[in-house]
Amino acid sequence: MNFELTDEQQLIRETARSFSEGEIVPRARDNDRNEHFDTGLVAKMAAQGYLGAIVPQEYGGAGLDYLSYSLIVEEVGRACSSMRTVVSVQTSLVASSLVRWGTEEQKRAYLPKVCSGEWLGCFGLTEPDTGSDAANQRTRARKTDAGWTISGGKMWISMGNHASFALVFAQTNPELAHRGLACFLVDTSLPGFSSQEIHGKLGLHGSDTASLALDDVEVSDDAILGEVGDGFKVAMSALDSGRYSVAAGCVGICQACVDESVAYAMERRQFGRPIASFQLVQAMLADMKVETDAARMLVWRAGYLKDAGKPNTTETSIAKLYATEAAIRCANTAIQVHGGAGYVDDHPVERYLRDVRVTTLYEGTSQIQKLIIGRALTGINALVPS
């Protein structure tokens, strides 16, 4: 594994930093305050190629490697986790699923519009009573002469109110358990499909979060992504990609905490000198720096394995587990460095803490990541039903 970025990767990183500083950072606080999902900013990210970074160029994507993708996600995440969520869902969950599981016709129909931002997609897996137990879907798909009829509900769906289509996971045969799951590409304008905004979130106020309801939504056989029975595999492969982008975004939060805290500590004076001169403040800065570098190296290792085509599920879970928990610790420490000033949104560190808290919950909780890692160590699978 080479820790030296290529000239192209360095340019990608610098460009993403410049874009994020110039376009995302100036709007992040107001979007958070107003609970505003900034579609104009989403369109600008699409124009940068960030909504299809890892999609092959023949389908309208940028065709970048995974390490380059992590550099983009880190910089976007450093600026605003709500906008990073858009990149993660659109690219890692939706686009990567289409690339891996879609027919050629599905790829041609969906991916160019996904990459351009013309269509936003959402990932309909979680249900009101189904979170970590992803195989236990209550949503049902019933076979008809014309195709399928889908009924059920989904919860905590990012971009669900703005999506043009949804990847909906549904059970086709409860007797088959996870082997009966299927993934459907569902047009959100179809009769029987509805969404509702979820308010009152701790963080990610600038991100759209929805509950979805499907009441006898009719789709054709062509709407199936993969085959009937592949739904669980589709979901797991998507989450593997999603965990990578969440981890990279959390590295961005860690770095933002370091940057903001160092700058504040150099400016803030107590007892006649900058607080950066006090050893205990330097210790907090050092802790954040170590956490950041460690998280980044774990993300880069997972990206290296992905780019090499090698197994990486365990390494991706390790990166996701460590980076998300590290980002919480860094955000909490950053507030401590800022003191009372860090408790209000004059400084972004309070937003970092609110936004990052959810990252240990979605795309698989920290506890689920530990089960995945434990399975790799012991060979005992506690996640997939027998």
Protein backbone atom coordinates (compact mmCIF):
# COMPACT_ATOMS: atom_id res chain seq x y z
CA MET A 1 0.00 0.00 0.00
CA ASN A 2 1.39 3.36 -1.10
CA PHE A 3 0.64 6.30 1.20
CA GLU A 4 1.83 8.78 -1.43
CA LEU A 5 -1.02 10.33 -3.42
CA THR A 6 -0.59 10.60 -7.16
CA ASP A 7 -0.58 14.02 -8.80
CA GLU A 8 -4.13 13.36 -10.02
CA GLN A 9 -5.33 12.38 -6.55
CA GLN A 10 -3.69 15.42 -5.01
CA LEU A 11 -5.45 17.63 -7.57
CA ILE A 12 -8.77 15.93 -6.82
CA ARG A 13 -8.23 16.58 -3.13
CA GLU A 14 -7.29 20.22 -3.62
CA THR A 15 -10.21 20.83 -5.98
CA ALA A 16 -12.65 19.25 -3.52
CA ARG A 17 -11.20 21.36 -0.69
CA SER A 18 -11.53 24.55 -2.75
CA PHE A 19 -15.09 23.72 -3.81
CA SER A 20 -16.16 22.81 -0.28
CA GLU A 21 -14.61 25.93 1.24
CA GLY A 22 -16.08 28.19 -1.43
CA GLU A 23 -19.53 26.71 -1.91
CA ILE A 24 -20.52 24.47 1.02
CA VAL A 25 -19.03 26.10 4.11
CA PRO A 26 -20.65 29.53 3.55
CA ARG A 27 -24.12 27.93 3.41
CA ALA A 28 -23.77 25.20 6.02
CA ARG A 29 -24.81 27.15 9.14
CA ASP A 30 -27.90 28.74 7.58
CA ASN A 31 -29.00 25.44 6.04
CA ASP A 32 -28.64 23.85 9.46
CA ARG A 33 -30.51 26.63 11.23
CA ASN A 34 -33.35 26.64 8.71
CA GLU A 35 -33.54 22.85 8.24
CA HIS A 36 -33.09 23.56 4.54
CA PHE A 37 -32.22 20.84 2.05
CA ASP A 38 -30.16 22.87 -0.39
CA THR A 39 -31.03 21.52 -3.84
CA GLY A 40 -29.02 24.29 -5.47
CA LEU A 41 -25.92 23.11 -3.65
CA VAL A 42 -26.71 19.51 -4.60
CA ALA A 43 -26.78 20.60 -8.24
CA LYS A 44 -23.36 22.23 -7.84
CA MET A 45 -21.93 19.02 -6.36
CA ALA A 46 -23.39 17.11 -9.31
CA ALA A 47 -21.70 19.52 -11.72
CA GLN A 48 -18.41 18.74 -9.97
CA GLY A 49 -18.96 15.04 -10.70
CA TYR A 50 -19.33 14.10 -7.04
CA LEU A 51 -22.65 12.26 -7.39
CA GLY A 52 -21.13 9.64 -9.66
CA ALA A 53 -17.47 9.71 -8.74
CA ILE A 54 -16.96 5.92 -8.81
CA VAL A 55 -19.40 5.23 -11.66
CA PRO A 56 -17.73 4.21 -14.96
CA GLN A 57 -17.47 7.00 -17.50
CA GLU A 58 -19.54 5.08 -20.04
CA TYR A 59 -22.55 5.58 -17.75
CA GLY A 60 -21.93 9.26 -17.09
CA GLY A 61 -19.71 8.95 -14.02
CA ALA A 62 -16.22 10.22 -13.31
CA GLY A 63 -14.72 6.72 -13.22
CA LEU A 64 -12.53 7.47 -10.20
CA ASP A 65 -10.86 4.93 -7.95
CA TYR A 66 -12.07 4.47 -4.39
CA LEU A 67 -9.15 6.27 -2.79
CA SER A 68 -9.87 9.35 -4.88
CA TYR A 69 -13.52 9.05 -3.93
CA SER A 70 -12.60 9.03 -0.23
CA LEU A 71 -10.65 12.26 -0.71
CA ILE A 72 -13.74 13.94 -2.14
CA VAL A 73 -16.03 12.62 0.57
CA GLU A 74 -13.58 13.67 3.28
CA GLU A 75 -13.51 17.26 2.02
CA VAL A 76 -17.28 17.46 1.62
CA GLY A 77 -17.71 15.91 5.08
CA ARG A 78 -15.23 18.40 6.52
CA ALA A 79 -17.50 21.19 5.28
CA CYS A 80 -20.98 19.79 5.98
CA SER A 81 -22.21 16.34 6.93
CA SER A 82 -25.63 16.98 5.41
CA MET A 83 -24.10 17.45 1.98
CA ARG A 84 -21.81 14.48 2.55
CA THR A 85 -24.94 12.43 3.16
CA VAL A 86 -26.16 13.33 -0.33
CA VAL A 87 -22.92 12.08 -1.87
CA SER A 88 -22.96 8.90 0.20
CA VAL A 89 -26.56 7.98 -0.63
CA GLN A 90 -26.48 8.94 -4.28
CA THR A 91 -23.08 7.42 -5.05
CA SER A 92 -22.35 4.67 -2.53
CA LEU A 93 -25.82 3.26 -1.94
CA VAL A 94 -27.78 3.97 -5.10
CA ALA A 95 -25.28 4.26 -7.96
CA SER A 96 -22.98 1.48 -6.77
CA SER A 97 -25.98 -0.88 -6.51
CA LEU A 98 -27.01 -0.07 -10.07
CA VAL A 99 -23.46 -0.59 -11.33
CA ARG A 100 -23.11 -3.96 -9.62
CA TRP A 101 -26.60 -5.41 -9.93
CA GLY A 102 -28.33 -3.57 -12.76
CA THR A 103 -29.03 -4.90 -16.23
CA GLU A 104 -27.48 -3.00 -19.10
CA GLU A 105 -30.86 -1.41 -19.79
CA GLN A 106 -31.21 -0.31 -16.16
CA LYS A 107 -27.71 1.14 -16.11
CA ARG A 108 -28.31 3.10 -19.30
CA ALA A 109 -31.65 4.37 -18.08
CA TYR A 110 -30.70 5.37 -14.54
CA LEU A 111 -27.00 6.03 -14.10
CA PRO A 112 -26.50 9.06 -16.38
CA LYS A 113 -29.37 10.86 -14.64
CA VAL A 114 -28.09 9.83 -11.22
CA CYS A 115 -24.59 11.09 -11.96
CA SER A 116 -25.85 14.39 -13.40
CA GLY A 117 -28.14 14.96 -10.43
CA GLU A 118 -31.20 15.09 -12.67
CA TRP A 119 -32.55 12.19 -10.62
CA LEU A 120 -31.94 11.77 -6.91
CA GLY A 121 -32.35 8.28 -5.53
CA CYS A 122 -32.99 6.95 -2.05
CA PHE A 123 -32.29 3.63 -0.34
CA GLY A 124 -35.41 2.09 1.15
CA LEU A 125 -34.18 -0.62 3.50
CA THR A 126 -34.84 0.47 7.10
CA GLU A 127 -38.38 0.04 8.41
CA PRO A 128 -40.13 1.25 11.58
CA ASP A 129 -39.59 -2.16 13.19
CA THR A 130 -36.55 -3.30 11.18
CA GLY A 131 -33.14 -1.71 11.62
CA SER A 132 -30.11 -3.90 12.26
CA ASP A 133 -32.15 -7.01 11.42
CA ALA A 134 -32.19 -6.07 7.74
CA ALA A 135 -33.33 -9.51 6.59
CA ASN A 136 -36.61 -9.21 8.49
CA GLN A 137 -38.48 -6.99 6.03
CA ARG A 138 -42.17 -6.35 6.66
CA THR A 139 -42.67 -4.70 3.27
CA ARG A 140 -44.28 -7.23 0.92
CA ALA A 141 -44.09 -7.68 -2.83
CA ARG A 142 -46.88 -9.78 -4.36
CA LYS A 143 -46.55 -11.25 -7.85
CA THR A 144 -49.25 -10.26 -10.34
CA ASP A 145 -49.88 -10.89 -14.00
CA ALA A 146 -48.49 -7.42 -14.82
CA GLY A 147 -45.51 -7.56 -12.47
CA TRP A 148 -45.50 -6.86 -8.73
CA THR A 149 -47.56 -5.01 -6.15
CA ILE A 150 -45.60 -3.59 -3.21
CA SER A 151 -47.00 -2.55 0.17
CA GLY A 152 -45.21 -1.47 3.32
CA GLY A 153 -43.37 1.35 5.03
CA LYS A 154 -39.79 2.60 5.29
CA MET A 155 -38.22 4.84 7.93
CA TRP A 156 -35.23 7.20 8.25
CA ILE A 157 -34.75 7.39 4.48
CA SER A 158 -32.28 10.07 3.42
CA MET A 159 -33.51 12.15 0.43
CA GLY A 160 -36.82 10.28 0.46
CA ASN A 161 -38.84 13.48 -0.07
CA HIS A 162 -36.77 14.62 -3.05
CA ALA A 163 -35.96 11.30 -4.73
CA SER A 164 -37.22 10.52 -8.21
CA PHE A 165 -36.90 6.83 -7.49
CA ALA A 166 -36.27 4.54 -4.57
CA LEU A 167 -34.51 1.24 -4.11
CA VAL A 168 -37.19 -0.59 -2.16
CA PHE A 169 -36.41 -3.88 -0.44
CA ALA A 170 -39.38 -6.17 -0.03
CA GLN A 171 -40.13 -9.74 0.96
CA THR A 172 -41.57 -11.88 -1.83
CA ASN A 173 -41.91 -15.08 0.21
CA PRO A 174 -41.74 -14.93 4.02
CA GLU A 175 -41.09 -18.67 4.22
CA LEU A 176 -37.73 -18.13 2.51
CA ALA A 177 -36.60 -15.52 5.07
CA HIS A 178 -33.69 -13.46 3.69
CA ARG A 179 -33.59 -15.64 0.57
CA GLY A 180 -36.98 -14.29 -0.44
CA LEU A 181 -35.95 -10.62 -0.49
CA ALA A 182 -35.93 -8.60 -3.68
CA CYS A 183 -34.86 -5.06 -4.50
CA PHE A 184 -37.15 -2.97 -6.70
CA LEU A 185 -36.53 0.28 -8.55
CA VAL A 186 -39.67 2.24 -7.72
CA ASP A 187 -40.66 5.53 -9.33
CA THR A 188 -41.74 7.81 -6.48
CA SER A 189 -44.46 9.39 -8.64
CA LEU A 190 -46.36 6.09 -8.93
CA PRO A 191 -49.84 5.90 -7.39
CA GLY A 192 -49.71 4.61 -3.84
CA PHE A 193 -46.21 5.94 -3.11
CA SER A 194 -45.93 8.76 -0.58
CA SER A 195 -43.31 10.34 1.67
CA GLN A 196 -43.34 12.46 4.79
CA GLU A 197 -40.64 14.69 6.26
CA ILE A 198 -39.09 13.74 9.59
CA HIS A 199 -38.35 16.69 11.86
CA GLY A 200 -36.89 17.00 15.34
CA LYS A 201 -33.56 15.36 14.51
CA LEU A 202 -30.54 15.95 16.73
CA GLY A 203 -28.38 16.77 13.73
CA LEU A 204 -28.18 16.70 9.93
CA HIS A 205 -30.74 19.50 9.83
CA GLY A 206 -29.67 20.31 6.29
CA SER A 207 -30.35 16.76 5.15
CA ASP A 208 -33.71 15.50 3.92
CA THR A 209 -34.98 12.55 5.98
CA ALA A 210 -38.29 10.84 5.26
CA SER A 211 -40.67 8.05 6.07
CA LEU A 212 -42.02 6.25 3.00
CA ALA A 213 -45.36 4.55 2.54
CA LEU A 214 -46.19 2.13 -0.28
CA ASP A 215 -49.84 1.20 -0.69
CA ASP A 216 -50.25 -1.38 -3.47
CA VAL A 217 -47.63 0.29 -5.67
CA GLU A 218 -47.53 -1.52 -9.00
CA VAL A 219 -44.21 -2.09 -10.79
CA SER A 220 -43.16 -4.27 -13.71
CA ASP A 221 -40.79 -7.22 -13.71
CA ASP A 222 -38.19 -4.89 -15.23
CA ALA A 223 -38.11 -2.98 -11.93
CA ILE A 224 -36.27 -5.77 -10.11
CA LEU A 225 -32.60 -5.01 -9.42
CA GLY A 226 -30.77 -8.31 -9.70
CA GLU A 227 -32.98 -11.36 -9.27
CA VAL A 228 -35.75 -12.27 -6.86
CA GLY A 229 -33.91 -13.57 -3.82
CA ASP A 230 -30.90 -11.27 -4.37
CA GLY A 231 -32.30 -8.47 -2.21
CA PHE A 232 -30.27 -9.26 0.87
CA LYS A 233 -27.06 -9.46 -1.15
CA VAL A 234 -27.90 -6.17 -2.88
CA ALA A 235 -28.45 -4.51 0.49
CA MET A 236 -25.23 -5.85 2.02
CA SER A 237 -23.08 -4.84 -0.95
CA ALA A 238 -24.59 -1.36 -0.89
CA LEU A 239 -23.99 -1.00 2.83
CA ASP A 240 -20.38 -2.10 2.34
CA SER A 241 -19.95 0.80 -0.06
CA GLY A 242 -21.95 3.16 2.13
CA ARG A 243 -19.86 2.39 5.20
CA TYR A 244 -16.75 3.39 3.30
CA SER A 245 -18.14 6.81 2.43
CA VAL A 246 -19.48 7.39 5.96
CA ALA A 247 -16.02 6.58 7.32
CA ALA A 248 -14.37 8.97 4.88
CA GLY A 249 -16.83 11.71 5.78
CA CYS A 250 -16.06 11.20 9.45
CA VAL A 251 -12.37 11.65 8.73
CA GLY A 252 -13.42 15.02 7.33
CA ILE A 253 -15.19 15.87 10.58
CA CYS A 254 -12.11 14.84 12.56
CA GLN A 255 -9.94 17.08 10.39
CA ALA A 256 -12.38 19.97 10.71
CA CYS A 257 -12.25 19.61 14.49
CA VAL A 258 -8.46 19.79 14.42
CA ASP A 259 -8.44 22.79 12.08
CA GLU A 260 -11.07 24.77 14.00
CA SER A 261 -9.54 23.96 17.39
CA VAL A 262 -5.98 24.90 16.44
CA ALA A 263 -7.15 28.18 14.94
CA TYR A 264 -9.26 29.03 17.99
CA ALA A 265 -6.56 28.01 20.46
CA MET A 266 -4.07 30.31 18.72
CA GLU A 267 -6.48 33.27 18.87
CA ARG A 268 -8.14 32.81 22.26
CA ARG A 269 -6.14 34.36 25.09
CA GLN A 270 -6.37 33.58 28.80
CA PHE A 271 -3.99 34.57 31.59
CA GLY A 272 -2.25 36.87 29.14
CA ARG A 273 -1.36 34.32 26.46
CA PRO A 274 -2.97 32.11 23.79
CA ILE A 275 -4.59 29.00 25.23
CA ALA A 276 -2.57 27.02 22.66
CA SER A 277 0.42 27.56 24.92
CA PHE A 278 -1.13 25.52 27.73
CA GLN A 279 -0.05 21.90 27.87
CA LEU A 280 -3.51 20.46 28.55
CA VAL A 281 -4.92 22.28 25.52
CA GLN A 282 -2.05 20.95 23.42
CA ALA A 283 -2.85 17.47 24.74
CA MET A 284 -6.42 17.78 23.47
CA LEU A 285 -5.18 18.95 20.08
CA ALA A 286 -2.73 16.05 19.95
CA ASP A 287 -5.47 13.53 20.77
CA MET A 288 -7.60 14.82 17.90
CA LYS A 289 -4.69 14.75 15.48
CA VAL A 290 -3.86 11.12 16.32
CA GLU A 291 -7.51 10.10 15.98
CA THR A 292 -7.71 11.83 12.60
CA ASP A 293 -4.60 10.25 11.15
CA ALA A 294 -5.54 6.79 12.40
CA ALA A 295 -9.04 7.04 10.94
CA ARG A 296 -7.72 8.26 7.60
CA MET A 297 -5.22 5.42 7.33
CA LEU A 298 -7.95 2.86 7.98
CA VAL A 299 -10.12 4.42 5.28
CA TRP A 300 -7.22 4.47 2.84
CA ARG A 301 -6.50 0.82 3.57
CA ALA A 302 -10.08 -0.12 2.79
CA GLY A 303 -9.92 1.97 -0.39
CA TYR A 304 -6.68 0.31 -1.43
CA LEU A 305 -8.30 -3.12 -1.09
CA LYS A 306 -11.39 -2.02 -3.01
CA ASP A 307 -9.27 -0.64 -5.83
CA ALA A 308 -7.21 -3.85 -5.89
CA GLY A 309 -10.37 -5.95 -6.15
CA LYS A 310 -9.54 -7.74 -2.90
CA PRO A 311 -11.96 -8.73 -0.11
CA ASN A 312 -12.51 -5.71 2.11
CA THR A 313 -15.72 -6.13 4.08
CA THR A 314 -13.91 -6.53 7.40
CA GLU A 315 -11.49 -3.70 6.73
CA THR A 316 -14.36 -1.42 5.68
CA SER A 317 -16.21 -2.23 8.90
CA ILE A 318 -13.05 -1.50 10.90
CA ALA A 319 -12.71 1.85 9.15
CA LYS A 320 -16.37 2.69 9.70
CA LEU A 321 -16.30 1.67 13.36
CA TYR A 322 -13.15 3.57 14.20
CA ALA A 323 -13.76 6.71 12.12
CA THR A 324 -17.30 7.28 13.37
CA GLU A 325 -16.43 6.79 17.02
CA ALA A 326 -13.28 8.89 16.60
CA ALA A 327 -15.28 11.72 15.03
CA ILE A 328 -17.59 11.82 18.04
CA ARG A 329 -14.59 12.00 20.35
CA CYS A 330 -12.96 14.72 18.24
CA ALA A 331 -16.13 16.82 18.08
CA ASN A 332 -16.61 16.55 21.82
CA THR A 333 -12.99 17.54 22.44
CA ALA A 334 -13.25 20.42 19.97
CA ILE A 335 -16.14 21.86 21.96
CA GLN A 336 -14.02 21.54 25.11
CA VAL A 337 -11.20 23.49 23.45
CA HIS A 338 -13.67 26.21 22.44
CA GLY A 339 -15.23 26.35 25.90
CA GLY A 340 -18.53 28.24 26.03
CA ALA A 341 -17.99 29.54 22.51
CA GLY A 342 -18.21 25.97 21.24
CA TYR A 343 -21.69 25.52 22.66
CA VAL A 344 -23.34 27.92 20.18
CA ASP A 345 -23.30 27.93 16.40
CA ASP A 346 -21.04 30.96 16.05
CA HIS A 347 -18.47 28.19 15.67
CA PRO A 348 -19.21 24.99 13.70
CA VAL A 349 -17.95 22.52 16.29
CA GLU A 350 -21.34 22.16 18.00
CA ARG A 351 -22.82 21.21 14.60
CA TYR A 352 -20.05 18.66 14.08
CA LEU A 353 -21.06 16.88 17.30
CA ARG A 354 -24.78 16.91 16.48
CA ASP A 355 -24.23 15.77 12.90
CA VAL A 356 -21.72 13.03 13.64
CA ARG A 357 -23.75 11.29 16.32
CA VAL A 358 -25.91 9.48 13.77
CA THR A 359 -22.92 7.96 11.98
CA THR A 360 -22.56 5.29 14.65
CA LEU A 361 -26.18 4.31 13.95
CA TYR A 362 -26.78 4.22 10.20
CA GLU A 363 -25.11 1.99 7.61
CA GLY A 364 -24.84 -0.49 10.46
CA THR A 365 -24.42 0.49 14.09
CA SER A 366 -21.06 0.31 15.82
CA GLN A 367 -22.29 -2.89 17.43
CA ILE A 368 -23.07 -4.42 14.03
CA GLN A 369 -19.57 -3.49 12.84
CA LYS A 370 -18.15 -5.33 15.84
CA LEU A 371 -20.22 -8.39 14.93
CA ILE A 372 -18.85 -8.28 11.39
CA ILE A 373 -15.30 -8.01 12.71
CA GLY A 374 -15.99 -10.76 15.23
CA ARG A 375 -17.32 -13.02 12.49
CA ALA A 376 -14.08 -12.53 10.56
CA LEU A 377 -12.10 -13.51 13.64
CA THR A 378 -14.16 -16.53 14.69
CA GLY A 379 -15.90 -17.74 11.55
CA ILE A 380 -19.24 -17.59 13.39
CA ASN A 381 -21.87 -15.55 11.55
CA ALA A 382 -24.33 -13.88 13.92
CA LEU A 383 -25.93 -11.70 11.23
CA VAL A 384 -27.32 -13.89 8.47
CA PRO A 385 -30.09 -16.31 9.48
CA SER A 386 -29.37 -20.00 8.88
